[in-house]
């Protein structure tokens, strides 16, 4: 992930913005379903982050995190139960 974030940081124009969407390893779904949580679904997600670890990764490459927004994925609940 470091090489990807570094490349994205270099590609951004001054004042540019980057949006990152990843499953939240610190969320209810993982705490409830553990290894059966759909957010861990391979090969779609090879690495996993909490809001804090993702913020630390991005900030470590000189980018400013303006906000972290959590969104629900109801379909993941259904898939996790299966």
Protein backbone atom coordinates (compact mmCIF):
# COMPACT_ATOMS: atom_id res chain seq x y z
CA UNK A 1 0.00 0.00 0.00
CA UNK A 2 2.90 2.37 0.57
CA UNK A 3 3.95 2.36 -3.07
CA UNK A 4 0.35 2.91 -4.20
CA UNK A 5 -0.25 5.83 -1.84
CA UNK A 6 3.14 7.35 -2.72
CA UNK A 7 2.36 7.12 -6.45
CA UNK A 8 -1.08 8.67 -5.91
CA UNK A 9 0.44 11.49 -3.85
CA UNK A 10 2.92 12.24 -6.65
CA UNK A 11 0.14 12.19 -9.26
CA UNK A 12 -2.10 14.65 -7.42
CA UNK A 13 -2.06 18.24 -8.58
CA UNK A 14 -1.63 20.89 -5.90
CA UNK A 15 -4.92 21.08 -4.01
CA UNK A 16 -6.01 17.75 -5.51
CA UNK A 17 -8.08 15.27 -3.55
CA UNK A 18 -8.02 11.52 -3.24
CA UNK A 19 -10.89 9.29 -2.17
CA UNK A 20 -10.11 5.90 -0.64
CA UNK A 21 -12.83 3.35 0.10
CA UNK A 22 -11.90 0.24 2.07
CA UNK A 23 -13.65 -2.11 4.53
CA UNK A 24 -13.33 -1.03 8.17
CA UNK A 25 -11.51 -3.71 10.15
CA UNK A 26 -12.54 -1.90 13.34
CA UNK A 27 -16.24 -2.03 12.50
CA UNK A 28 -19.20 -3.99 13.79
CA UNK A 29 -19.12 -6.48 10.92
CA UNK A 30 -15.63 -7.77 11.64
CA UNK A 31 -16.18 -7.75 15.41
CA UNK A 32 -19.37 -9.76 14.94
CA UNK A 33 -18.45 -12.20 12.16
CA UNK A 34 -14.68 -12.44 12.53
CA UNK A 35 -13.13 -14.42 9.70
CA UNK A 36 -16.59 -14.94 8.14
CA UNK A 37 -17.07 -11.20 7.58
CA UNK A 38 -17.64 -10.44 3.91
CA UNK A 39 -15.33 -7.42 4.08
CA UNK A 40 -12.41 -9.86 4.26
CA UNK A 41 -13.52 -11.37 0.96
CA UNK A 42 -10.47 -12.42 -1.03
CA UNK A 43 -9.22 -11.60 -3.62
CA UNK A 44 -11.02 -8.25 -3.52
CA UNK A 45 -9.37 -7.08 -0.31
CA UNK A 46 -5.83 -8.28 0.29
CA UNK A 47 -5.03 -5.76 3.03
CA UNK A 48 -7.27 -4.42 5.76
CA UNK A 49 -7.33 -1.14 7.66
CA UNK A 50 -8.99 0.60 10.56
CA UNK A 51 -9.71 4.33 10.18
CA UNK A 52 -6.63 4.98 12.33
CA UNK A 53 -4.22 2.77 10.36
CA UNK A 54 -5.42 4.13 7.02
CA UNK A 55 -5.06 7.72 8.28
CA UNK A 56 -1.54 6.95 9.51
CA UNK A 57 -0.62 5.39 6.13
CA UNK A 58 -1.92 8.34 4.11
CA UNK A 59 -0.48 10.98 6.46
CA UNK A 60 2.88 9.24 6.35
CA UNK A 61 3.10 10.12 2.67
CA UNK A 62 2.60 13.84 3.24
CA UNK A 63 -1.13 13.90 2.50
CA UNK A 64 -3.65 15.62 4.76
CA UNK A 65 -6.68 13.57 5.79
CA UNK A 66 -9.61 15.98 5.71
CA UNK A 67 -12.28 13.52 6.78
CA UNK A 68 -13.05 9.87 7.43
CA UNK A 69 -16.60 8.85 6.68
CA UNK A 70 -18.02 5.46 7.56
CA UNK A 71 -20.74 3.98 5.40
CA UNK A 72 -22.89 0.90 5.84
CA UNK A 73 -22.92 -1.99 3.40
CA UNK A 74 -26.17 -3.93 4.12
CA UNK A 75 -25.31 -6.54 1.47
CA UNK A 76 -22.22 -7.50 3.45
CA UNK A 77 -24.38 -8.48 6.42
CA UNK A 78 -26.40 -10.82 4.22
CA UNK A 79 -23.26 -12.32 2.69
CA UNK A 80 -21.55 -12.67 6.07
CA UNK A 81 -24.48 -14.60 7.50
CA UNK A 82 -24.30 -17.09 4.62
